PDB file of all heavy atoms in Angstrom:
ATOM      1  N   CYS A   1      83.374 127.019  95.182  1.00  0.00           N
ATOM      2  CA  CYS A   1      83.478 128.457  95.472  1.00  0.00           C
ATOM      3  C   CYS A   1      84.941 128.881  95.630  1.00  0.00           C
ATOM      4  O   CYS A   1      85.337 129.959  95.159  1.00  0.00           O
ATOM      5  CB  CYS A   1      82.694 128.786  96.742  1.00  0.00           C
ATOM      6  SG  CYS A   1      80.899 128.673  96.560  1.00  0.00           S
ATOM      7  N   ALA A   2      85.729 128.043  96.306  1.00  0.00           N
ATOM      8  CA  ALA A   2      87.146 128.365  96.480  1.00  0.00           C
ATOM      9  C   ALA A   2      87.877 128.397  95.142  1.00  0.00           C
ATOM     10  O   ALA A   2      88.721 129.267  94.895  1.00  0.00           O
ATOM     11  CB  ALA A   2      87.794 127.347  97.420  1.00  0.00           C
ATOM     12  N   ILE A   3      87.545 127.463  94.260  1.00  0.00           N
ATOM     13  CA  ILE A   3      88.178 127.438  92.930  1.00  0.00           C
ATOM     14  C   ILE A   3      87.804 128.686  92.141  1.00  0.00           C
ATOM     15  O   ILE A   3      88.666 129.329  91.522  1.00  0.00           O
ATOM     16  CB  ILE A   3      87.748 126.165  92.165  1.00  0.00           C
ATOM     17  CG1 ILE A   3      88.359 124.927  92.824  1.00  0.00           C
ATOM     18  CG2 ILE A   3      88.171 126.244  90.698  1.00  0.00           C
ATOM     19  CD1 ILE A   3      87.844 123.622  92.262  1.00  0.00           C
ATOM     20  N   GLN A   4      86.521 129.064  92.173  1.00  0.00           N
ATOM     21  CA  GLN A   4      86.084 130.257  91.446  1.00  0.00           C
ATOM     22  C   GLN A   4      86.724 131.519  92.021  1.00  0.00           C
ATOM     23  O   GLN A   4      87.130 132.422  91.280  1.00  0.00           O
ATOM     24  CB  GLN A   4      84.558 130.369  91.488  1.00  0.00           C
ATOM     25  CG  GLN A   4      83.992 131.631  90.862  1.00  0.00           C
ATOM     26  CD  GLN A   4      84.283 131.752  89.384  1.00  0.00           C
ATOM     27  OE1 GLN A   4      84.585 130.764  88.717  1.00  0.00           O
ATOM     28  NE2 GLN A   4      84.230 132.970  88.856  1.00  0.00           N
ATOM     29  N   ASP A   5      86.827 131.584  93.340  1.00  0.00           N
ATOM     30  CA  ASP A   5      87.417 132.754  93.980  1.00  0.00           C
ATOM     31  C   ASP A   5      88.901 132.886  93.652  1.00  0.00           C
ATOM     32  O   ASP A   5      89.412 134.002  93.512  1.00  0.00           O
ATOM     33  CB  ASP A   5      87.211 132.668  95.491  1.00  0.00           C
ATOM     34  CG  ASP A   5      87.597 133.950  96.210  1.00  0.00           C
ATOM     35  OD1 ASP A   5      87.209 135.031  95.733  1.00  0.00           O
ATOM     36  OD2 ASP A   5      88.300 133.880  97.239  1.00  0.00           O
ATOM     37  N   SER A   6      89.586 131.765  93.518  1.00  0.00           N
ATOM     38  CA  SER A   6      91.031 131.801  93.270  1.00  0.00           C
ATOM     39  C   SER A   6      91.374 131.925  91.785  1.00  0.00           C
ATOM     40  O   SER A   6      92.292 132.666  91.417  1.00  0.00           O
ATOM     41  CB  SER A   6      91.688 130.537  93.843  1.00  0.00           C
ATOM     42  OG  SER A   6      91.472 130.429  95.231  1.00  0.00           O
ATOM     43  N   PHE A   7      90.636 131.227  90.937  1.00  0.00           N
ATOM     44  CA  PHE A   7      91.013 131.147  89.519  1.00  0.00           C
ATOM     45  C   PHE A   7      90.019 131.830  88.571  1.00  0.00           C
ATOM     46  O   PHE A   7      90.301 131.950  87.387  1.00  0.00           O
ATOM     47  CB  PHE A   7      91.175 129.675  89.116  1.00  0.00           C
ATOM     48  CG  PHE A   7      92.185 128.927  89.940  1.00  0.00           C
ATOM     49  CD1 PHE A   7      91.776 128.041  90.923  1.00  0.00           C
ATOM     50  CD2 PHE A   7      93.543 129.136  89.755  1.00  0.00           C
ATOM     51  CE1 PHE A   7      92.701 127.351  91.695  1.00  0.00           C
ATOM     52  CE2 PHE A   7      94.476 128.445  90.521  1.00  0.00           C
ATOM     53  CZ  PHE A   7      94.060 127.553  91.490  1.00  0.00           C
ATOM     54  N   ARG A   8      88.867 132.261  89.093  1.00  0.00           N
ATOM     55  CA  ARG A   8      87.869 132.973  88.287  1.00  0.00           C
ATOM     56  C   ARG A   8      87.557 132.222  86.998  1.00  0.00           C
ATOM     57  O   ARG A   8      87.675 132.758  85.893  1.00  0.00           O
ATOM     58  CB  ARG A   8      88.350 134.393  87.988  1.00  0.00           C
ATOM     59  CG  ARG A   8      88.586 135.203  89.257  1.00  0.00           C
ATOM     60  CD  ARG A   8      89.051 136.609  89.001  1.00  0.00           C
ATOM     61  NE  ARG A   8      89.190 137.335  90.248  1.00  0.00           N
ATOM     62  CZ  ARG A   8      89.629 138.597  90.345  1.00  0.00           C
ATOM     63  NH1 ARG A   8      89.949 139.256  89.235  1.00  0.00           N
ATOM     64  NH2 ARG A   8      89.728 139.187  91.518  1.00  0.00           N
ATOM     65  N   VAL A   9      87.161 130.980  87.178  1.00  0.00           N
ATOM     66  CA  VAL A   9      86.874 130.101  86.041  1.00  0.00           C
ATOM     67  C   VAL A   9      85.675 130.605  85.244  1.00  0.00           C
ATOM     68  O   VAL A   9      85.673 130.608  84.016  1.00  0.00           O
ATOM     69  CB  VAL A   9      86.625 128.663  86.539  1.00  0.00           C
ATOM     70  CG1 VAL A   9      86.279 127.753  85.366  1.00  0.00           C
ATOM     71  CG2 VAL A   9      87.843 128.137  87.295  1.00  0.00           C
ATOM     72  N   ILE A  10      84.623 131.047  85.954  1.00  0.00           N
ATOM     73  CA  ILE A  10      83.409 131.526  85.291  1.00  0.00           C
ATOM     74  C   ILE A  10      83.582 132.999  84.957  1.00  0.00           C
ATOM     75  O   ILE A  10      83.741 133.838  85.854  1.00  0.00           O
ATOM     76  CB  ILE A  10      82.172 131.332  86.184  1.00  0.00           C
ATOM     77  CG1 ILE A  10      82.010 129.860  86.574  1.00  0.00           C
ATOM     78  CG2 ILE A  10      80.916 131.827  85.477  1.00  0.00           C
ATOM     79  CD1 ILE A  10      80.895 129.616  87.564  1.00  0.00           C
ATOM     80  N   THR A  11      83.586 133.319  83.685  1.00  0.00           N
ATOM     81  CA  THR A  11      83.732 134.705  83.243  1.00  0.00           C
ATOM     82  C   THR A  11      82.383 135.247  82.766  1.00  0.00           C
ATOM     83  O   THR A  11      81.484 134.494  82.412  1.00  0.00           O
ATOM     84  CB  THR A  11      84.764 134.806  82.109  1.00  0.00           C
ATOM     85  OG1 THR A  11      84.348 133.974  81.015  1.00  0.00           O
ATOM     86  CG2 THR A  11      86.137 134.344  82.587  1.00  0.00           C
ATOM     87  N   LEU A  12      82.264 136.572  82.765  1.00  0.00           N
ATOM     88  CA  LEU A  12      81.034 137.233  82.353  1.00  0.00           C
ATOM     89  C   LEU A  12      81.333 138.306  81.322  1.00  0.00           C
ATOM     90  O   LEU A  12      82.473 138.788  81.223  1.00  0.00           O
ATOM     91  CB  LEU A  12      80.345 137.878  83.575  1.00  0.00           C
ATOM     92  CG  LEU A  12      79.953 136.964  84.730  1.00  0.00           C
ATOM     93  CD1 LEU A  12      79.446 137.794  85.899  1.00  0.00           C
ATOM     94  CD2 LEU A  12      78.892 135.959  84.305  1.00  0.00           C
ATOM     95  N   ASN A  13      80.304 138.680  80.602  1.00  0.00           N
ATOM     96  CA  ASN A  13      80.403 139.811  79.679  1.00  0.00           C
ATOM     97  C   ASN A  13      80.247 141.090  80.503  1.00  0.00           C
ATOM     98  O   ASN A  13      79.171 141.387  81.003  1.00  0.00           O
ATOM     99  CB  ASN A  13      79.311 139.721  78.612  1.00  0.00           C
ATOM    100  CG  ASN A  13      79.442 140.808  77.561  1.00  0.00           C
ATOM    101  OD1 ASN A  13      80.080 141.840  77.785  1.00  0.00           O
ATOM    102  ND2 ASN A  13      78.853 140.586  76.404  1.00  0.00           N
ATOM    103  N   GLU A  14      81.334 141.824  80.648  1.00  0.00           N
ATOM    104  CA  GLU A  14      81.335 142.989  81.533  1.00  0.00           C
ATOM    105  C   GLU A  14      80.337 144.050  81.081  1.00  0.00           C
ATOM    106  O   GLU A  14      79.766 144.769  81.902  1.00  0.00           O
ATOM    107  CB  GLU A  14      82.743 143.585  81.601  1.00  0.00           C
ATOM    108  CG  GLU A  14      82.938 144.551  82.749  1.00  0.00           C
ATOM    109  CD  GLU A  14      84.389 144.927  82.944  1.00  0.00           C
ATOM    110  OE1 GLU A  14      85.104 145.109  81.931  1.00  0.00           O
ATOM    111  OE2 GLU A  14      84.829 145.046  84.101  1.00  0.00           O
ATOM    112  N   ALA A  15      80.105 144.162  79.789  1.00  0.00           N
ATOM    113  CA  ALA A  15      79.161 145.167  79.280  1.00  0.00           C
ATOM    114  C   ALA A  15      77.736 144.874  79.741  1.00  0.00           C
ATOM    115  O   ALA A  15      76.934 145.788  79.928  1.00  0.00           O
ATOM    116  CB  ALA A  15      79.226 145.221  77.762  1.00  0.00           C
ATOM    117  N   ASP A  16      77.414 143.604  79.933  1.00  0.00           N
ATOM    118  CA  ASP A  16      76.063 143.218  80.324  1.00  0.00           C
ATOM    119  C   ASP A  16      75.899 143.069  81.833  1.00  0.00           C
ATOM    120  O   ASP A  16      74.836 143.386  82.383  1.00  0.00           O
ATOM    121  CB  ASP A  16      75.667 141.897  79.656  1.00  0.00           C
ATOM    122  CG  ASP A  16      75.569 142.027  78.143  1.00  0.00           C
ATOM    123  OD1 ASP A  16      75.222 143.122  77.666  1.00  0.00           O
ATOM    124  OD2 ASP A  16      75.850 141.031  77.450  1.00  0.00           O
ATOM    125  N   TYR A  17      76.938 142.572  82.512  1.00  0.00           N
ATOM    126  CA  TYR A  17      76.818 142.245  83.934  1.00  0.00           C
ATOM    127  C   TYR A  17      77.648 143.147  84.842  1.00  0.00           C
ATOM    128  O   TYR A  17      77.662 142.941  86.054  1.00  0.00           O
ATOM    129  CB  TYR A  17      77.225 140.789  84.165  1.00  0.00           C
ATOM    130  CG  TYR A  17      76.315 139.798  83.484  1.00  0.00           C
ATOM    131  CD1 TYR A  17      76.644 139.234  82.253  1.00  0.00           C
ATOM    132  CD2 TYR A  17      75.112 139.424  84.064  1.00  0.00           C
ATOM    133  CE1 TYR A  17      75.811 138.324  81.617  1.00  0.00           C
ATOM    134  CE2 TYR A  17      74.266 138.509  83.441  1.00  0.00           C
ATOM    135  CZ  TYR A  17      74.624 137.967  82.213  1.00  0.00           C
ATOM    136  OH  TYR A  17      73.798 137.071  81.598  1.00  0.00           O
ATOM    137  N   TYR A  18      78.369 144.129  84.292  1.00  0.00           N
ATOM    138  CA  TYR A  18      79.187 145.067  85.066  1.00  0.00           C
ATOM    139  C   TYR A  18      80.403 144.403  85.717  1.00  0.00           C
ATOM    140  O   TYR A  18      81.140 145.055  86.460  1.00  0.00           O
ATOM    141  CB  TYR A  18      78.368 145.758  86.163  1.00  0.00           C
ATOM    142  CG  TYR A  18      77.134 146.451  85.668  1.00  0.00           C
ATOM    143  CD1 TYR A  18      75.922 146.284  86.322  1.00  0.00           C
ATOM    144  CD2 TYR A  18      77.159 147.286  84.554  1.00  0.00           C
ATOM    145  CE1 TYR A  18      74.771 146.922  85.871  1.00  0.00           C
ATOM    146  CE2 TYR A  18      76.022 147.932  84.100  1.00  0.00           C
ATOM    147  CZ  TYR A  18      74.832 147.742  84.758  1.00  0.00           C
ATOM    148  OH  TYR A  18      73.705 148.372  84.324  1.00  0.00           O
ATOM    149  N   LEU A  19      80.592 143.113  85.469  1.00  0.00           N
ATOM    150  CA  LEU A  19      81.712 142.377  86.052  1.00  0.00           C
ATOM    151  C   LEU A  19      82.318 141.483  84.986  1.00  0.00           C
ATOM    152  O   LEU A  19      81.604 140.968  84.120  1.00  0.00           O
ATOM    153  CB  LEU A  19      81.256 141.520  87.237  1.00  0.00           C
ATOM    154  CG  LEU A  19      80.720 142.253  88.469  1.00  0.00           C
ATOM    155  CD1 LEU A  19      80.043 141.268  89.411  1.00  0.00           C
ATOM    156  CD2 LEU A  19      81.830 142.989  89.192  1.00  0.00           C
ATOM    157  N   SER A  20      83.625 141.276  85.058  1.00  0.00           N
ATOM    158  CA  SER A  20      84.294 140.422  84.078  1.00  0.00           C
ATOM    159  C   SER A  20      84.349 138.969  84.515  1.00  0.00           C
ATOM    160  O   SER A  20      84.735 138.102  83.745  1.00  0.00           O
ATOM    161  CB  SER A  20      85.727 140.938  83.848  1.00  0.00           C
ATOM    162  OG  SER A  20      86.462 140.939  85.063  1.00  0.00           O
ATOM    163  N   TYR A  21      83.967 138.696  85.761  1.00  0.00           N
ATOM    164  CA  TYR A  21      83.947 137.327  86.280  1.00  0.00           C
ATOM    165  C   TYR A  21      82.849 137.219  87.324  1.00  0.00           C
ATOM    166  O   TYR A  21      82.309 138.231  87.793  1.00  0.00           O
ATOM    167  CB  TYR A  21      85.296 136.956  86.902  1.00  0.00           C
ATOM    168  CG  TYR A  21      85.599 137.710  88.175  1.00  0.00           C
ATOM    169  CD1 TYR A  21      85.342 137.146  89.421  1.00  0.00           C
ATOM    170  CD2 TYR A  21      86.133 138.996  88.134  1.00  0.00           C
ATOM    171  CE1 TYR A  21      85.599 137.840  90.591  1.00  0.00           C
ATOM    172  CE2 TYR A  21      86.385 139.699  89.293  1.00  0.00           C
ATOM    173  CZ  TYR A  21      86.116 139.116  90.516  1.00  0.00           C
ATOM    174  OH  TYR A  21      86.358 139.811  91.677  1.00  0.00           O
ATOM    175  N   ALA A  22      82.483 136.003  87.667  1.00  0.00           N
ATOM    176  CA  ALA A  22      81.438 135.773  88.670  1.00  0.00           C
ATOM    177  C   ALA A  22      82.074 135.748  90.059  1.00  0.00           C
ATOM    178  O   ALA A  22      82.808 134.800  90.384  1.00  0.00           O
ATOM    179  CB  ALA A  22      80.720 134.456  88.385  1.00  0.00           C
ATOM    180  N   PRO A  23      81.828 136.755  90.885  1.00  0.00           N
ATOM    181  CA  PRO A  23      82.423 136.774  92.229  1.00  0.00           C
ATOM    182  C   PRO A  23      81.641 135.886  93.193  1.00  0.00           C
ATOM    183  O   PRO A  23      80.447 135.631  92.980  1.00  0.00           O
ATOM    184  CB  PRO A  23      82.309 138.244  92.631  1.00  0.00           C
ATOM    185  CG  PRO A  23      81.085 138.711  91.918  1.00  0.00           C
ATOM    186  CD  PRO A  23      81.015 137.940  90.619  1.00  0.00           C
ATOM    187  N   VAL A  24      82.299 135.425  94.220  1.00  0.00           N
ATOM    188  CA  VAL A  24      81.625 134.626  95.244  1.00  0.00           C
ATOM    189  C   VAL A  24      81.840 135.266  96.604  1.00  0.00           C
ATOM    190  O   VAL A  24      82.879 135.873  96.868  1.00  0.00           O
ATOM    191  CB  VAL A  24      82.145 133.166  95.270  1.00  0.00           C
ATOM    192  CG1 VAL A  24      81.769 132.445  94.001  1.00  0.00           C
ATOM    193  CG2 VAL A  24      83.644 133.108  95.482  1.00  0.00           C
ATOM    194  N   ASP A  25      80.841 135.170  97.442  1.00  0.00           N
ATOM    195  CA  ASP A  25      80.925 135.688  98.806  1.00  0.00           C
ATOM    196  C   ASP A  25      80.255 134.676  99.719  1.00  0.00           C
ATOM    197  O   ASP A  25      79.033 134.512  99.682  1.00  0.00           O
ATOM    198  CB  ASP A  25      80.255 137.054  98.906  1.00  0.00           C
ATOM    199  CG  ASP A  25      80.348 137.634 100.311  1.00  0.00           C
ATOM    200  OD1 ASP A  25      81.383 137.434 100.963  1.00  0.00           O
ATOM    201  OD2 ASP A  25      79.372 138.266 100.764  1.00  0.00           O
ATOM    202  N   ILE A  26      81.045 133.985 100.493  1.00  0.00           N
ATOM    203  CA  ILE A  26      80.538 132.907 101.354  1.00  0.00           C
ATOM    204  C   ILE A  26      80.272 133.464 102.750  1.00  0.00           C
ATOM    205  O   ILE A  26      81.174 133.998 103.400  1.00  0.00           O
ATOM    206  CB  ILE A  26      81.541 131.749 101.437  1.00  0.00           C
ATOM    207  CG1 ILE A  26      81.811 131.182 100.039  1.00  0.00           C
ATOM    208  CG2 ILE A  26      81.023 130.662 102.356  1.00  0.00           C
ATOM    209  CD1 ILE A  26      82.915 130.154 100.005  1.00  0.00           C
ATOM    210  N   GLY A  27      79.031 133.343 103.181  1.00  0.00           N
ATOM    211  CA  GLY A  27      78.668 133.761 104.528  1.00  0.00           C
ATOM    212  C   GLY A  27      78.475 132.541 105.423  1.00  0.00           C
ATOM    213  O   GLY A  27      77.754 131.607 105.059  1.00  0.00           O
ATOM    214  N   VAL A  28      79.117 132.546 106.573  1.00  0.00           N
ATOM    215  CA  VAL A  28      79.045 131.395 107.480  1.00  0.00           C
ATOM    216  C   VAL A  28      77.600 131.116 107.884  1.00  0.00           C
ATOM    217  O   VAL A  28      77.141 129.963 107.874  1.00  0.00           O
ATOM    218  CB  VAL A  28      79.908 131.646 108.733  1.00  0.00           C
ATOM    219  CG1 VAL A  28      79.741 130.488 109.735  1.00  0.00           C
ATOM    220  CG2 VAL A  28      81.376 131.794 108.345  1.00  0.00           C
ATOM    221  N   TRP A  29      76.866 132.190 108.216  1.00  0.00           N
ATOM    222  CA  TRP A  29      75.491 131.993 108.665  1.00  0.00           C
ATOM    223  C   TRP A  29      74.608 131.475 107.535  1.00  0.00           C
ATOM    224  O   TRP A  29      73.650 130.722 107.783  1.00  0.00           O
ATOM    225  CB  TRP A  29      74.937 133.299 109.241  1.00  0.00           C
ATOM    226  CG  TRP A  29      75.569 133.674 110.538  1.00  0.00           C
ATOM    227  CD1 TRP A  29      76.436 134.713 110.767  1.00  0.00           C
ATOM    228  CD2 TRP A  29      75.425 132.997 111.793  1.00  0.00           C
ATOM    229  NE1 TRP A  29      76.829 134.732 112.084  1.00  0.00           N
ATOM    230  CE2 TRP A  29      76.229 133.699 112.738  1.00  0.00           C
ATOM    231  CE3 TRP A  29      74.699 131.884 112.208  1.00  0.00           C
ATOM    232  CZ2 TRP A  29      76.306 133.304 114.063  1.00  0.00           C
ATOM    233  CZ3 TRP A  29      74.778 131.494 113.546  1.00  0.00           C
ATOM    234  CH2 TRP A  29      75.565 132.195 114.459  1.00  0.00           C
ATOM    235  N   HIS A  30      74.907 131.875 106.304  1.00  0.00           N
ATOM    236  CA  HIS A  30      74.126 131.364 105.178  1.00  0.00           C
ATOM    237  C   HIS A  30      74.374 129.873 104.967  1.00  0.00           C
ATOM    238  O   HIS A  30      73.442 129.118 104.659  1.00  0.00           O
ATOM    239  CB  HIS A  30      74.474 132.144 103.906  1.00  0.00           C
ATOM    240  CG  HIS A  30      73.975 133.549 103.909  1.00  0.00           C
ATOM    241  ND1 HIS A  30      74.657 134.566 104.527  1.00  0.00           N
ATOM    242  CD2 HIS A  30      72.843 134.108 103.381  1.00  0.00           C
ATOM    243  CE1 HIS A  30      73.982 135.696 104.382  1.00  0.00           C
ATOM    244  NE2 HIS A  30      72.885 135.446 103.696  1.00  0.00           N
ATOM    245  N   ILE A  31      75.624 129.448 105.144  1.00  0.00           N
ATOM    246  CA  ILE A  31      75.949 128.028 105.005  1.00  0.00           C
ATOM    247  C   ILE A  31      75.246 127.216 106.097  1.00  0.00           C
ATOM    248  O   ILE A  31      74.658 126.155 105.831  1.00  0.00           O
ATOM    249  CB  ILE A  31      77.469 127.806 105.081  1.00  0.00           C
ATOM    250  CG1 ILE A  31      78.189 128.601 103.985  1.00  0.00           C
ATOM    251  CG2 ILE A  31      77.802 126.323 104.968  1.00  0.00           C
ATOM    252  CD1 ILE A  31      77.773 128.232 102.584  1.00  0.00           C
ATOM    253  N   LEU A  32      75.276 127.727 107.319  1.00  0.00           N
ATOM    254  CA  LEU A  32      74.597 127.033 108.419  1.00  0.00           C
ATOM    255  C   LEU A  32      73.092 126.980 108.178  1.00  0.00           C
ATOM    256  O   LEU A  32      72.444 125.957 108.458  1.00  0.00           O
ATOM    257  CB  LEU A  32      74.895 127.743 109.745  1.00  0.00           C
ATOM    258  CG  LEU A  32      76.345 127.676 110.245  1.00  0.00           C
ATOM    259  CD1 LEU A  32      76.510 128.500 111.512  1.00  0.00           C
ATOM    260  CD2 LEU A  32      76.768 126.228 110.496  1.00  0.00           C
ATOM    261  N   ALA A  33      72.519 128.083 107.662  1.00  0.00           N
ATOM    262  CA  ALA A  33      71.084 128.110 107.398  1.00  0.00           C
ATOM    263  C   ALA A  33      70.703 127.110 106.307  1.00  0.00           C
ATOM    264  O   ALA A  33      69.678 126.419 106.417  1.00  0.00           O
ATOM    265  CB  ALA A  33      70.657 129.523 106.990  1.00  0.00           C
ATOM    266  N   LEU A  34      71.526 126.993 105.266  1.00  0.00           N
ATOM    267  CA  LEU A  34      71.229 126.035 104.200  1.00  0.00           C
ATOM    268  C   LEU A  34      71.299 124.602 104.713  1.00  0.00           C
ATOM    269  O   LEU A  34      70.447 123.767 104.384  1.00  0.00           O
ATOM    270  CB  LEU A  34      72.213 126.229 103.043  1.00  0.00           C
ATOM    271  CG  LEU A  34      72.032 127.495 102.194  1.00  0.00           C
ATOM    272  CD1 LEU A  34      73.163 127.622 101.182  1.00  0.00           C
ATOM    273  CD2 LEU A  34      70.690 127.477 101.477  1.00  0.00           C
ATOM    274  N   ASN A  35      72.302 124.304 105.522  1.00  0.00           N
ATOM    275  CA  ASN A  35      72.440 122.955 106.059  1.00  0.00           C
ATOM    276  C   ASN A  35      71.298 122.602 107.002  1.00  0.00           C
ATOM    277  O   ASN A  35      70.658 121.549 106.866  1.00  0.00           O
ATOM    278  CB  ASN A  35      73.782 122.819 106.788  1.00  0.00           C
ATOM    279  CG  ASN A  35      74.935 122.558 105.852  1.00  0.00           C
ATOM    280  OD1 ASN A  35      75.294 121.424 105.572  1.00  0.00           O
ATOM    281  ND2 ASN A  35      75.541 123.626 105.338  1.00  0.00           N
ATOM    282  N   SER A  36      71.043 123.485 107.960  1.00  0.00           N
ATOM    283  CA  SER A  36      69.988 123.199 108.929  1.00  0.00           C
ATOM    284  C   SER A  36      68.616 123.196 108.259  1.00  0.00           C
ATOM    285  O   SER A  36      67.763 122.354 108.572  1.00  0.00           O
ATOM    286  CB  SER A  36      70.024 124.230 110.066  1.00  0.00           C
ATOM    287  OG  SER A  36      69.876 125.550 109.559  1.00  0.00           O
ATOM    288  N   GLY A  37      68.391 124.132 107.324  1.00  0.00           N
ATOM    289  CA  GLY A  37      67.117 124.178 106.616  1.00  0.00           C
ATOM    290  C   GLY A  37      66.873 122.921 105.800  1.00  0.00           C
ATOM    291  O   GLY A  37      65.753 122.397 105.767  1.00  0.00           O
ATOM    292  N   THR A  38      67.923 122.421 105.139  1.00  0.00           N
ATOM    293  CA  THR A  38      67.781 121.213 104.321  1.00  0.00           C
ATOM    294  C   THR A  38      67.392 120.005 105.160  1.00  0.00           C
ATOM    295  O   THR A  38      66.460 119.268 104.819  1.00  0.00           O
ATOM    296  CB  THR A  38      69.094 120.918 103.572  1.00  0.00           C
ATOM    297  OG1 THR A  38      69.402 122.018 102.708  1.00  0.00           O
ATOM    298  CG2 THR A  38      68.967 119.653 102.740  1.00  0.00           C
ATOM    299  N   ILE A  39      68.080 119.806 106.259  1.00  0.00           N
ATOM    300  CA  ILE A  39      67.789 118.612 107.066  1.00  0.00           C
ATOM    301  C   ILE A  39      66.436 118.723 107.766  1.00  0.00           C
ATOM    302  O   ILE A  39      65.681 117.745 107.843  1.00  0.00           O
ATOM    303  CB  ILE A  39      68.924 118.351 108.089  1.00  0.00           C
ATOM    304  CG1 ILE A  39      68.745 116.960 108.708  1.00  0.00           C
ATOM    305  CG2 ILE A  39      68.978 119.422 109.162  1.00  0.00           C
ATOM    306  CD1 ILE A  39      69.960 116.494 109.486  1.00  0.00           C
ATOM    307  N   ILE A  40      66.062 119.914 108.232  1.00  0.00           N
ATOM    308  CA  ILE A  40      64.776 120.071 108.929  1.00  0.00           C
ATOM    309  C   ILE A  40      63.611 119.895 107.954  1.00  0.00           C
ATOM    310  O   ILE A  40      62.658 119.149 108.221  1.00  0.00           O
ATOM    311  CB  ILE A  40      64.709 121.444 109.627  1.00  0.00           C
ATOM    312  CG1 ILE A  40      65.702 121.494 110.796  1.00  0.00           C
ATOM    313  CG2 ILE A  40      63.286 121.724 110.116  1.00  0.00           C
ATOM    314  CD1 ILE A  40      65.848 122.873 111.415  1.00  0.00           C
ATOM    315  N   ILE A  41      63.687 120.603 106.814  1.00  0.00           N
ATOM    316  CA  ILE A  41      62.585 120.536 105.837  1.00  0.00           C
ATOM    317  C   ILE A  41      62.444 119.121 105.276  1.00  0.00           C
ATOM    318  O   ILE A  41      61.334 118.593 105.134  1.00  0.00           O
ATOM    319  CB  ILE A  41      62.818 121.552 104.702  1.00  0.00           C
ATOM    320  CG1 ILE A  41      62.692 122.974 105.256  1.00  0.00           C
ATOM    321  CG2 ILE A  41      61.830 121.330 103.564  1.00  0.00           C
ATOM    322  CD1 ILE A  41      63.069 124.060 104.261  1.00  0.00           C
ATOM    323  N   THR A  42      63.573 118.490 104.979  1.00  0.00           N
ATOM    324  CA  THR A  42      63.516 117.139 104.421  1.00  0.00           C
ATOM    325  C   THR A  42      62.905 116.156 105.404  1.00  0.00           C
ATOM    326  O   THR A  42      62.033 115.343 105.045  1.00  0.00           O
ATOM    327  CB  THR A  42      64.927 116.666 104.019  1.00  0.00           C
ATOM    328  OG1 THR A  42      65.512 117.611 103.126  1.00  0.00           O
ATOM    329  CG2 THR A  42      64.870 115.319 103.318  1.00  0.00           C
ATOM    330  N   LEU A  43      63.323 116.214 106.656  1.00  0.00           N
ATOM    331  CA  LEU A  43      62.778 115.300 107.659  1.00  0.00           C
ATOM    332  C   LEU A  43      61.297 115.561 107.907  1.00  0.00           C
ATOM    333  O   LEU A  43      60.524 114.617 108.149  1.00  0.00           O
ATOM    334  CB  LEU A  43      63.567 115.422 108.964  1.00  0.00           C
ATOM    335  CG  LEU A  43      64.982 114.806 108.947  1.00  0.00           C
ATOM    336  CD1 LEU A  43      65.695 115.087 110.258  1.00  0.00           C
ATOM    337  CD2 LEU A  43      64.909 113.303 108.683  1.00  0.00           C
ATOM    338  N   LEU A  44      60.888 116.821 107.848  1.00  0.00           N
ATOM    339  CA  LEU A  44      59.469 117.126 108.025  1.00  0.00           C
ATOM    340  C   LEU A  44      58.635 116.497 106.914  1.00  0.00           C
ATOM    341  O   LEU A  44      57.555 115.933 107.164  1.00  0.00           O
ATOM    342  CB  LEU A  44      59.251 118.640 108.060  1.00  0.00           C
ATOM    343  CG  LEU A  44      59.664 119.362 109.352  1.00  0.00           C
ATOM    344  CD1 LEU A  44      59.506 120.862 109.203  1.00  0.00           C
ATOM    345  CD2 LEU A  44      58.842 118.864 110.539  1.00  0.00           C
TER     346      LEU A  44
END
């Protein structure tokens, strides 16, 4: 995500997607939810 945010490696067709590159938005709570959800569901 940091590489994409800094260098915009993944590009898009702006006519189709309204954007010329794939933006990233990292949410702390989403990262925590993915980590906790993965370990809880897997152990269950």
